[in-house]
PDB file of N, CA and C in Angstrom:
ATOM      1  N   UNK A   1      23.469  16.676 -31.986  1.00  0.00           N
ATOM      2  CA  UNK A   1      25.244  16.778 -31.844  1.00  0.00           C
ATOM      3  C   UNK A   1      25.591  17.429 -32.945  1.00  0.00           C
ATOM      4  N   UNK A   2      25.881  18.659 -32.932  1.00  0.00           N
ATOM      5  CA  UNK A   2      26.284  19.598 -34.300  1.00  0.00           C
ATOM      6  C   UNK A   2      27.636  19.263 -34.431  1.00  0.00           C
ATOM      7  N   UNK A   3      28.156  20.431 -35.628  1.00  0.00           N
ATOM      8  CA  UNK A   3      29.444  20.021 -36.576  1.00  0.00           C
ATOM      9  C   UNK A   3      29.730  21.145 -36.588  1.00  0.00           C
ATOM     10  N   UNK A   4      30.994  20.979 -36.969  1.00  0.00           N
ATOM     11  CA  UNK A   4      31.812  22.509 -37.314  1.00  0.00           C
ATOM     12  C   UNK A   4      32.872  22.505 -38.109  1.00  0.00           C
ATOM     13  N   UNK A   5      32.762  22.721 -39.266  1.00  0.00           N
ATOM     14  CA  UNK A   5      33.650  22.324 -40.103  1.00  0.00           C
ATOM     15  C   UNK A   5      35.278  23.337 -39.788  1.00  0.00           C
ATOM     16  N   UNK A   6      36.259  22.930 -39.828  1.00  0.00           N
ATOM     17  CA  UNK A   6      37.135  23.352 -39.307  1.00  0.00           C
ATOM     18  C   UNK A   6      38.432  22.612 -40.348  1.00  0.00           C
ATOM     19  N   UNK A   7      39.339  23.096 -41.004  1.00  0.00           N
ATOM     20  CA  UNK A   7      40.120  23.232 -42.042  1.00  0.00           C
ATOM     21  C   UNK A   7      41.926  23.844 -41.692  1.00  0.00           C
ATOM     22  N   UNK A   8      42.913  23.394 -42.641  1.00  0.00           N
ATOM     23  CA  UNK A   8      44.212  23.880 -42.045  1.00  0.00           C
ATOM     24  C   UNK A   8      44.236  24.079 -43.990  1.00  0.00           C
ATOM     25  N   UNK A   9      45.216  25.150 -44.244  1.00  0.00           N
ATOM     26  CA  UNK A   9      45.893  25.284 -45.632  1.00  0.00           C
ATOM     27  C   UNK A   9      47.165  24.936 -45.777  1.00  0.00           C
ATOM     28  N   UNK A  10      47.227  23.840 -46.597  1.00  0.00           N
ATOM     29  CA  UNK A  10      49.246  24.125 -46.756  1.00  0.00           C
ATOM     30  C   UNK A  10      49.214  24.470 -48.585  1.00  0.00           C
ATOM     31  N   UNK A  11      49.984  25.460 -48.910  1.00  0.00           N
ATOM     32  CA  UNK A  11      50.426  25.597 -49.931  1.00  0.00           C
ATOM     33  C   UNK A  11      51.457  25.019 -50.691  1.00  0.00           C
ATOM     34  N   UNK A  12      51.850  23.531 -50.281  1.00  0.00           N
ATOM     35  CA  UNK A  12      52.446  22.826 -50.932  1.00  0.00           C
ATOM     36  C   UNK A  12      52.231  21.337 -51.488  1.00  0.00           C
ATOM     37  N   UNK A  13      52.711  21.167 -52.372  1.00  0.00           N
ATOM     38  CA  UNK A  13      51.554  19.406 -52.894  1.00  0.00           C
ATOM     39  C   UNK A  13      52.758  18.603 -52.118  1.00  0.00           C
ATOM     40  N   UNK A  14      53.575  18.470 -51.367  1.00  0.00           N
ATOM     41  CA  UNK A  14      54.533  17.740 -50.691  1.00  0.00           C
ATOM     42  C   UNK A  14      53.391  17.061 -49.399  1.00  0.00           C
ATOM     43  N   UNK A  15      52.850  15.431 -50.151  1.00  0.00           N
ATOM     44  CA  UNK A  15      51.992  14.748 -49.012  1.00  0.00           C
ATOM     45  C   UNK A  15      53.026  14.399 -47.848  1.00  0.00           C
ATOM     46  N   UNK A  16      54.114  14.108 -47.637  1.00  0.00           N
ATOM     47  CA  UNK A  16      55.313  13.950 -46.425  1.00  0.00           C
ATOM     48  C   UNK A  16      54.882  15.025 -45.109  1.00  0.00           C
ATOM     49  N   UNK A  17      55.360  16.088 -46.067  1.00  0.00           N
ATOM     50  CA  UNK A  17      55.483  17.364 -45.563  1.00  0.00           C
ATOM     51  C   UNK A  17      53.711  17.372 -44.669  1.00  0.00           C
ATOM     52  N   UNK A  18      52.800  17.906 -45.231  1.00  0.00           N
ATOM     53  CA  UNK A  18      51.281  17.675 -45.667  1.00  0.00           C
ATOM     54  C   UNK A  18      51.049  17.170 -44.446  1.00  0.00           C
ATOM     55  N   UNK A  19      51.527  15.698 -44.493  1.00  0.00           N
ATOM     56  CA  UNK A  19      51.469  14.836 -43.104  1.00  0.00           C
ATOM     57  C   UNK A  19      51.573  14.799 -41.763  1.00  0.00           C
ATOM     58  N   UNK A  20      53.081  15.691 -42.116  1.00  0.00           N
ATOM     59  CA  UNK A  20      53.629  15.781 -41.114  1.00  0.00           C
ATOM     60  C   UNK A  20      53.000  17.019 -40.012  1.00  0.00           C
ATOM     61  N   UNK A  21      52.779  18.293 -40.908  1.00  0.00           N
ATOM     62  CA  UNK A  21      52.309  19.402 -40.403  1.00  0.00           C
ATOM     63  C   UNK A  21      50.957  19.402 -39.845  1.00  0.00           C
ATOM     64  N   UNK A  22      50.289  18.216 -40.161  1.00  0.00           N
ATOM     65  CA  UNK A  22      48.496  17.925 -40.568  1.00  0.00           C
ATOM     66  C   UNK A  22      49.225  17.405 -39.109  1.00  0.00           C
ATOM     67  N   UNK A  23      49.445  16.470 -38.516  1.00  0.00           N
ATOM     68  CA  UNK A  23      49.895  15.622 -37.086  1.00  0.00           C
ATOM     69  C   UNK A  23      50.012  16.863 -36.298  1.00  0.00           C
ATOM     70  N   UNK A  24      50.992  18.155 -36.466  1.00  0.00           N
ATOM     71  CA  UNK A  24      51.374  18.194 -35.507  1.00  0.00           C
ATOM     72  C   UNK A  24      50.109  19.597 -35.117  1.00  0.00           C
ATOM     73  N   UNK A  25      49.548  20.098 -36.234  1.00  0.00           N
ATOM     74  CA  UNK A  25      48.337  20.842 -35.997  1.00  0.00           C
ATOM     75  C   UNK A  25      47.289  20.026 -35.243  1.00  0.00           C
ATOM     76  N   UNK A  26      46.988  18.786 -35.639  1.00  0.00           N
ATOM     77  CA  UNK A  26      45.942  18.099 -34.869  1.00  0.00           C
ATOM     78  C   UNK A  26      46.714  18.097 -33.595  1.00  0.00           C
ATOM     79  N   UNK A  27      47.406  18.143 -32.784  1.00  0.00           N
ATOM     80  CA  UNK A  27      48.070  17.964 -31.610  1.00  0.00           C
ATOM     81  C   UNK A  27      47.645  19.197 -30.848  1.00  0.00           C
ATOM     82  N   UNK A  28      48.351  19.927 -31.503  1.00  0.00           N
ATOM     83  CA  UNK A  28      48.568  21.309 -31.235  1.00  0.00           C
ATOM     84  C   UNK A  28      46.679  21.438 -30.631  1.00  0.00           C
ATOM     85  N   UNK A  29      45.729  21.403 -31.588  1.00  0.00           N
ATOM     86  CA  UNK A  29      44.571  21.743 -31.020  1.00  0.00           C
ATOM     87  C   UNK A  29      44.037  20.536 -30.229  1.00  0.00           C
ATOM     88  N   UNK A  30      44.473  19.342 -30.067  1.00  0.00           N
ATOM     89  CA  UNK A  30      44.045  18.454 -28.747  1.00  0.00           C
ATOM     90  C   UNK A  30      44.522  19.122 -27.297  1.00  0.00           C
ATOM     91  N   UNK A  31      45.695  19.945 -27.600  1.00  0.00           N
ATOM     92  CA  UNK A  31      46.049  20.709 -26.052  1.00  0.00           C
ATOM     93  C   UNK A  31      44.827  21.747 -26.019  1.00  0.00           C
ATOM     94  N   UNK A  32      44.899  22.619 -27.214  1.00  0.00           N
ATOM     95  CA  UNK A  32      44.652  23.805 -26.853  1.00  0.00           C
ATOM     96  C   UNK A  32      43.353  23.807 -26.981  1.00  0.00           C
ATOM     97  N   UNK A  33      42.395  22.683 -27.832  1.00  0.00           N
ATOM     98  CA  UNK A  33      40.725  22.897 -27.820  1.00  0.00           C
ATOM     99  C   UNK A  33      40.137  21.582 -26.797  1.00  0.00           C
ATOM    100  N   UNK A  34      40.993  20.837 -26.953  1.00  0.00           N
ATOM    101  CA  UNK A  34      40.318  19.580 -26.151  1.00  0.00           C
ATOM    102  C   UNK A  34      40.002  18.542 -27.388  1.00  0.00           C
ATOM    103  N   UNK A  35      39.596  17.250 -26.860  1.00  0.00           N
ATOM    104  CA  UNK A  35      39.324  16.232 -27.561  1.00  0.00           C
ATOM    105  C   UNK A  35      37.955  15.642 -27.969  1.00  0.00           C
ATOM    106  N   UNK A  36      37.178  15.753 -27.114  1.00  0.00           N
ATOM    107  CA  UNK A  36      35.783  16.096 -27.180  1.00  0.00           C
ATOM    108  C   UNK A  36      34.875  17.006 -27.607  1.00  0.00           C
ATOM    109  N   UNK A  37      34.117  16.883 -28.659  1.00  0.00           N
ATOM    110  CA  UNK A  37      33.538  18.031 -28.986  1.00  0.00           C
ATOM    111  C   UNK A  37      33.761  19.184 -29.447  1.00  0.00           C
ATOM    112  N   UNK A  38      34.850  19.395 -29.125  1.00  0.00           N
ATOM    113  CA  UNK A  38      35.340  20.530 -29.479  1.00  0.00           C
ATOM    114  C   UNK A  38      35.233  21.694 -30.883  1.00  0.00           C
ATOM    115  N   UNK A  39      34.455  20.896 -31.709  1.00  0.00           N
ATOM    116  CA  UNK A  39      34.422  21.931 -32.908  1.00  0.00           C
ATOM    117  C   UNK A  39      35.554  21.821 -33.865  1.00  0.00           C
ATOM    118  N   UNK A  40      37.153  20.998 -33.322  1.00  0.00           N
ATOM    119  CA  UNK A  40      38.360  21.729 -33.541  1.00  0.00           C
ATOM    120  C   UNK A  40      38.547  20.498 -34.292  1.00  0.00           C
ATOM    121  N   UNK A  41      39.830  20.407 -35.329  1.00  0.00           N
ATOM    122  CA  UNK A  41      40.548  19.526 -36.020  1.00  0.00           C
ATOM    123  C   UNK A  41      40.857  18.529 -34.708  1.00  0.00           C
ATOM    124  N   UNK A  42      41.156  18.925 -33.643  1.00  0.00           N
ATOM    125  CA  UNK A  42      41.427  17.772 -32.771  1.00  0.00           C
ATOM    126  C   UNK A  42      40.469  16.506 -32.564  1.00  0.00           C
ATOM    127  N   UNK A  43      39.727  16.892 -33.121  1.00  0.00           N
ATOM    128  CA  UNK A  43      38.479  15.364 -32.802  1.00  0.00           C
ATOM    129  C   UNK A  43      38.930  14.174 -34.300  1.00  0.00           C
ATOM    130  N   UNK A  44      39.628  14.837 -35.455  1.00  0.00           N
ATOM    131  CA  UNK A  44      39.580  14.180 -36.666  1.00  0.00           C
ATOM    132  C   UNK A  44      40.668  13.511 -36.297  1.00  0.00           C
ATOM    133  N   UNK A  45      41.968  13.782 -35.695  1.00  0.00           N
ATOM    134  CA  UNK A  45      43.108  12.427 -35.406  1.00  0.00           C
ATOM    135  C   UNK A  45      43.663  12.490 -36.853  1.00  0.00           C
ATOM    136  N   UNK A  46      44.682  12.258 -37.252  1.00  0.00           N
ATOM    137  CA  UNK A  46      46.130  12.351 -37.654  1.00  0.00           C
ATOM    138  C   UNK A  46      45.705  11.710 -39.302  1.00  0.00           C
ATOM    139  N   UNK A  47      44.570  10.781 -39.269  1.00  0.00           N
ATOM    140  CA  UNK A  47      44.859   9.803 -40.917  1.00  0.00           C
ATOM    141  C   UNK A  47      44.463  10.739 -41.685  1.00  0.00           C
ATOM    142  N   UNK A  48      44.530  10.446 -42.927  1.00  0.00           N
ATOM    143  CA  UNK A  48      44.540  11.444 -43.832  1.00  0.00           C
ATOM    144  C   UNK A  48      43.414  10.498 -44.777  1.00  0.00           C
ATOM    145  N   UNK A  49      42.636  11.787 -45.556  1.00  0.00           N
ATOM    146  CA  UNK A  49      42.086  10.403 -46.628  1.00  0.00           C
ATOM    147  C   UNK A  49      42.030  11.253 -48.055  1.00  0.00           C
ATOM    148  N   UNK A  50      42.908  11.605 -48.982  1.00  0.00           N
ATOM    149  CA  UNK A  50      43.842  12.283 -50.030  1.00  0.00           C
ATOM    150  C   UNK A  50      42.617  12.269 -51.275  1.00  0.00           C
ATOM    151  N   UNK A  51      42.388  13.169 -51.651  1.00  0.00           N
ATOM    152  CA  UNK A  51      40.875  12.918 -52.554  1.00  0.00           C
ATOM    153  C   UNK A  51      42.193  13.355 -54.143  1.00  0.00           C
ATOM    154  N   UNK A  52      41.250  12.974 -55.096  1.00  0.00           N
ATOM    155  CA  UNK A  52      41.633  13.603 -56.611  1.00  0.00           C
ATOM    156  C   UNK A  52      40.929  14.337 -56.831  1.00  0.00           C
ATOM    157  N   UNK A  53      41.732  14.967 -58.453  1.00  0.00           N
ATOM    158  CA  UNK A  53      41.035  16.225 -58.606  1.00  0.00           C
ATOM    159  C   UNK A  53      41.152  17.531 -58.105  1.00  0.00           C
ATOM    160  N   UNK A  54      42.008  18.461 -58.956  1.00  0.00           N
ATOM    161  CA  UNK A  54      42.250  19.491 -58.641  1.00  0.00           C
ATOM    162  C   UNK A  54      41.087  20.741 -58.985  1.00  0.00           C
ATOM    163  N   UNK A  55      40.881  21.626 -57.611  1.00  0.00           N
ATOM    164  CA  UNK A  55      39.693  22.541 -57.648  1.00  0.00           C
ATOM    165  C   UNK A  55      40.491  23.682 -57.832  1.00  0.00           C
ATOM    166  N   UNK A  56      39.433  24.562 -58.601  1.00  0.00           N
ATOM    167  CA  UNK A  56      40.407  26.058 -59.101  1.00  0.00           C
ATOM    168  C   UNK A  56      40.431  26.576 -58.441  1.00  0.00           C
ATOM    169  N   UNK A  57      39.771  26.558 -57.140  1.00  0.00           N
ATOM    170  CA  UNK A  57      40.336  27.616 -56.061  1.00  0.00           C
ATOM    171  C   UNK A  57      39.815  27.276 -54.635  1.00  0.00           C
ATOM    172  N   UNK A  58      41.102  27.804 -53.943  1.00  0.00           N
ATOM    173  CA  UNK A  58      40.606  27.326 -52.412  1.00  0.00           C
ATOM    174  C   UNK A  58      39.519  27.320 -51.654  1.00  0.00           C
ATOM    175  N   UNK A  59      38.361  28.326 -52.440  1.00  0.00           N
ATOM    176  CA  UNK A  59      37.188  28.333 -51.927  1.00  0.00           C
ATOM    177  C   UNK A  59      36.314  27.170 -52.315  1.00  0.00           C
ATOM    178  N   UNK A  60      36.443  26.650 -53.443  1.00  0.00           N
ATOM    179  CA  UNK A  60      35.781  24.981 -54.197  1.00  0.00           C
ATOM    180  C   UNK A  60      36.110  24.242 -53.348  1.00  0.00           C
ATOM    181  N   UNK A  61      37.243  24.163 -52.786  1.00  0.00           N
ATOM    182  CA  UNK A  61      38.364  22.867 -51.914  1.00  0.00           C
ATOM    183  C   UNK A  61      37.238  23.223 -51.082  1.00  0.00           C
ATOM    184  N   UNK A  62      37.100  24.385 -49.763  1.00  0.00           N
ATOM    185  CA  UNK A  62      36.511  24.197 -49.092  1.00  0.00           C
ATOM    186  C   UNK A  62      35.498  23.645 -48.866  1.00  0.00           C
ATOM    187  N   UNK A  63      34.758  24.155 -49.886  1.00  0.00           N
ATOM    188  CA  UNK A  63      32.580  23.942 -49.876  1.00  0.00           C
ATOM    189  C   UNK A  63      32.741  22.290 -50.527  1.00  0.00           C
ATOM    190  N   UNK A  64      34.211  21.587 -51.239  1.00  0.00           N
ATOM    191  CA  UNK A  64      34.165  20.229 -51.165  1.00  0.00           C
ATOM    192  C   UNK A  64      33.908  19.737 -49.917  1.00  0.00           C
ATOM    193  N   UNK A  65      34.714  19.855 -48.733  1.00  0.00           N
ATOM    194  CA  UNK A  65      34.881  19.436 -47.629  1.00  0.00           C
ATOM    195  C   UNK A  65      33.668  19.242 -46.820  1.00  0.00           C
ATOM    196  N   UNK A  66      32.895  20.688 -47.026  1.00  0.00           N
ATOM    197  CA  UNK A  66      31.719  21.603 -46.284  1.00  0.00           C
ATOM    198  C   UNK A  66      31.000  20.170 -46.806  1.00  0.00           C
ATOM    199  N   UNK A  67      30.520  20.390 -48.186  1.00  0.00           N
ATOM    200  CA  UNK A  67      29.537  19.391 -48.314  1.00  0.00           C
ATOM    201  C   UNK A  67      29.397  18.020 -48.612  1.00  0.00           C
ATOM    202  N   UNK A  68      30.838  17.418 -48.682  1.00  0.00           N
ATOM    203  CA  UNK A  68      31.369  16.036 -48.738  1.00  0.00           C
ATOM    204  C   UNK A  68      31.797  14.972 -48.380  1.00  0.00           C
ATOM    205  N   UNK A  69      31.577  15.783 -46.431  1.00  0.00           N
ATOM    206  CA  UNK A  69      32.923  15.419 -45.385  1.00  0.00           C
ATOM    207  C   UNK A  69      31.506  15.076 -44.566  1.00  0.00           C
ATOM    208  N   UNK A  70      31.926  13.668 -44.408  1.00  0.00           N
ATOM    209  CA  UNK A  70      30.970  12.935 -42.764  1.00  0.00           C
ATOM    210  C   UNK A  70      31.398  13.774 -41.525  1.00  0.00           C
ATOM    211  N   UNK A  71      30.650  13.760 -40.495  1.00  0.00           N
ATOM    212  CA  UNK A  71      30.627  13.724 -39.056  1.00  0.00           C
ATOM    213  C   UNK A  71      31.500  12.892 -38.120  1.00  0.00           C
ATOM    214  N   UNK A  72      32.637  12.836 -38.143  1.00  0.00           N
ATOM    215  CA  UNK A  72      33.217  11.243 -37.112  1.00  0.00           C
ATOM    216  C   UNK A  72      34.380  10.356 -38.519  1.00  0.00           C
ATOM    217  N   UNK A  73      34.516  11.166 -39.670  1.00  0.00           N
ATOM    218  CA  UNK A  73      35.263  10.654 -40.703  1.00  0.00           C
ATOM    219  C   UNK A  73      36.640  11.173 -40.469  1.00  0.00           C
ATOM    220  N   UNK A  74      37.554  10.514 -41.008  1.00  0.00           N
ATOM    221  CA  UNK A  74      38.961  10.976 -40.697  1.00  0.00           C
ATOM    222  C   UNK A  74      38.847  12.423 -42.223  1.00  0.00           C
ATOM    223  N   UNK A  75      40.465  13.345 -41.663  1.00  0.00           N
ATOM    224  CA  UNK A  75      40.509  14.439 -42.961  1.00  0.00           C
ATOM    225  C   UNK A  75      40.024  14.029 -44.156  1.00  0.00           C
ATOM    226  N   UNK A  76      39.987  14.969 -44.599  1.00  0.00           N
ATOM    227  CA  UNK A  76      39.750  15.020 -46.215  1.00  0.00           C
ATOM    228  C   UNK A  76      41.147  15.316 -46.719  1.00  0.00           C
ATOM    229  N   UNK A  77      41.658  15.224 -47.246  1.00  0.00           N
ATOM    230  CA  UNK A  77      42.519  16.283 -48.201  1.00  0.00           C
ATOM    231  C   UNK A  77      42.380  16.673 -49.354  1.00  0.00           C
ATOM    232  N   UNK A  78      42.300  17.854 -49.696  1.00  0.00           N
ATOM    233  CA  UNK A  78      41.343  18.714 -51.424  1.00  0.00           C
ATOM    234  C   UNK A  78      42.228  19.498 -52.102  1.00  0.00           C
ATOM    235  N   UNK A  79      42.410  19.049 -53.102  1.00  0.00           N
ATOM    236  CA  UNK A  79      43.652  19.560 -54.024  1.00  0.00           C
ATOM    237  C   UNK A  79      43.107  20.926 -54.351  1.00  0.00           C
ATOM    238  N   UNK A  80      43.507  21.673 -54.654  1.00  0.00           N
ATOM    239  CA  UNK A  80      43.307  22.849 -55.313  1.00  0.00           C
ATOM    240  C   UNK A  80      44.655  24.086 -55.753  1.00  0.00           C
ATOM    241  N   UNK A  81      44.275  24.875 -56.799  1.00  0.00           N
ATOM    242  CA  UNK A  81      45.419  25.666 -57.226  1.00  0.00           C
ATOM    243  C   UNK A  81      45.441  26.861 -56.404  1.00  0.00           C
ATOM    244  N   UNK A  82      47.028  26.973 -56.238  1.00  0.00           N
ATOM    245  CA  UNK A  82      47.310  28.272 -55.497  1.00  0.00           C
ATOM    246  C   UNK A  82      47.120  29.316 -56.481  1.00  0.00           C
ATOM    247  N   UNK A  83      46.341  30.078 -56.028  1.00  0.00           N
ATOM    248  CA  UNK A  83      46.717  31.680 -56.124  1.00  0.00           C
ATOM    249  C   UNK A  83      47.579  32.549 -56.035  1.00  0.00           C
ATOM    250  N   UNK A  84      47.856  33.353 -56.779  1.00  0.00           N
ATOM    251  CA  UNK A  84      49.256  34.370 -56.275  1.00  0.00           C
ATOM    252  C   UNK A  84      48.612  35.623 -56.068  1.00  0.00           C
ATOM    253  N   UNK A  85      48.966  36.088 -54.783  1.00  0.00           N
ATOM    254  CA  UNK A  85      48.871  36.730 -53.934  1.00  0.00           C
ATOM    255  C   UNK A  85      49.718  37.718 -53.037  1.00  0.00           C
ATOM    256  N   UNK A  86      49.654  39.154 -52.548  1.00  0.00           N
ATOM    257  CA  UNK A  86      51.328  39.280 -51.979  1.00  0.00           C
ATOM    258  C   UNK A  86      51.727  38.556 -50.990  1.00  0.00           C
ATOM    259  N   UNK A  87      51.428  37.445 -50.653  1.00  0.00           N
ATOM    260  CA  UNK A  87      51.694  36.347 -49.241  1.00  0.00           C
ATOM    261  C   UNK A  87      52.459  35.153 -50.142  1.00  0.00           C
ATOM    262  N   UNK A  88      51.878  34.806 -51.011  1.00  0.00           N
ATOM    263  CA  UNK A  88      52.137  33.272 -51.432  1.00  0.00           C
ATOM    264  C   UNK A  88      52.417  33.928 -53.498  1.00  0.00           C
ATOM    265  N   UNK A  89      53.583  33.399 -53.576  1.00  0.00           N
ATOM    266  CA  UNK A  89      54.113  33.709 -54.825  1.00  0.00           C
ATOM    267  C   UNK A  89      53.995  32.404 -55.982  1.00  0.00           C
ATOM    268  N   UNK A  90      52.871  31.259 -55.529  1.00  0.00           N
ATOM    269  CA  UNK A  90      52.886  29.836 -56.265  1.00  0.00           C
ATOM    270  C   UNK A  90      51.784  29.467 -57.220  1.00  0.00           C
ATOM    271  N   UNK A  91      51.739  31.096 -57.622  1.00  0.00           N
ATOM    272  CA  UNK A  91      50.247  30.916 -58.938  1.00  0.00           C
ATOM    273  C   UNK A  91      50.914  29.564 -59.743  1.00  0.00           C
ATOM    274  N   UNK A  92      49.390  28.506 -59.445  1.00  0.00           N
ATOM    275  CA  UNK A  92      49.512  28.123 -60.583  1.00  0.00           C
ATOM    276  C   UNK A  92      49.516  26.263 -59.919  1.00  0.00           C
ATOM    277  N   UNK A  93      50.428  26.508 -59.245  1.00  0.00           N
ATOM    278  CA  UNK A  93      50.840  25.415 -58.032  1.00  0.00           C
ATOM    279  C   UNK A  93      49.846  24.212 -57.648  1.00  0.00           C
ATOM    280  N   UNK A  94      49.970  23.524 -57.407  1.00  0.00           N
ATOM    281  CA  UNK A  94      49.275  22.874 -56.074  1.00  0.00           C
ATOM    282  C   UNK A  94      49.089  22.840 -54.381  1.00  0.00           C
ATOM    283  N   UNK A  95      48.227  23.482 -53.975  1.00  0.00           N
ATOM    284  CA  UNK A  95      48.409  22.884 -52.789  1.00  0.00           C
ATOM    285  C   UNK A  95      47.120  22.058 -51.915  1.00  0.00           C
ATOM    286  N   UNK A  96      46.681  21.910 -50.400  1.00  0.00           N
ATOM    287  CA  UNK A  96      45.893  21.234 -50.043  1.00  0.00           C
ATOM    288  C   UNK A  96      45.229  21.716 -49.145  1.00  0.00           C
ATOM    289  N   UNK A  97      44.074  21.610 -49.177  1.00  0.00           N
ATOM    290  CA  UNK A  97      42.967  22.156 -47.232  1.00  0.00           C
ATOM    291  C   UNK A  97      42.622  20.872 -47.027  1.00  0.00           C
ATOM    292  N   UNK A  98      43.114  20.946 -45.843  1.00  0.00           N
ATOM    293  CA  UNK A  98      42.863  19.252 -44.945  1.00  0.00           C
ATOM    294  C   UNK A  98      41.875  19.630 -43.866  1.00  0.00           C
ATOM    295  N   UNK A  99      40.484  18.907 -43.823  1.00  0.00           N
ATOM    296  CA  UNK A  99      40.347  19.333 -42.334  1.00  0.00           C
ATOM    297  C   UNK A  99      38.421  18.165 -42.391  1.00  0.00           C
ATOM    298  N   UNK A 100      37.491  18.860 -41.750  1.00  0.00           N
ATOM    299  CA  UNK A 100      36.090  18.102 -42.058  1.00  0.00           C
ATOM    300  C   UNK A 100      35.472  18.650 -41.163  1.00  0.00           C
ATOM    301  N   UNK A 101      34.142  17.929 -40.518  1.00  0.00           N
ATOM    302  CA  UNK A 101      33.101  18.226 -40.127  1.00  0.00           C
ATOM    303  C   UNK A 101      33.281  17.678 -38.696  1.00  0.00           C
ATOM    304  N   UNK A 102      33.530  18.844 -37.648  1.00  0.00           N
ATOM    305  CA  UNK A 102      34.231  18.294 -36.132  1.00  0.00           C
ATOM    306  C   UNK A 102      32.781  18.473 -35.214  1.00  0.00           C
ATOM    307  N   UNK A 103      32.938  17.022 -34.426  1.00  0.00           N
ATOM    308  CA  UNK A 103      31.529  17.089 -33.765  1.00  0.00           C
ATOM    309  C   UNK A 103      32.262  18.481 -32.542  1.00  0.00           C
ATOM    310  N   UNK A 104      30.668  18.862 -32.311  1.00  0.00           N
ATOM    311  CA  UNK A 104      30.695  20.233 -31.253  1.00  0.00           C
ATOM    312  C   UNK A 104      29.458  20.018 -30.070  1.00  0.00           C
TER     313      UNK A 104
END
């Protein structure tokens, strides 16, 4: 059984808002992708394991999930520093990437 890294990015550090959006994203994935071996976040469920230690970049946070999440565990929430770009003006604020290795 293989696994696929799937995640969602939230440009906020409001854990309540993130939790609500994560649950909605998981439900959407379950409807659209299915729940059995889809390789998508619907297989992770709505629970979240919040990590400490802010990563300097989004890329580092995603790599952390890829290297540390065990297939079948609940989703990891990994904080990162948001970099400004033309779509997001929150430079230096903390955001979260949530996800994990999803069975496929």
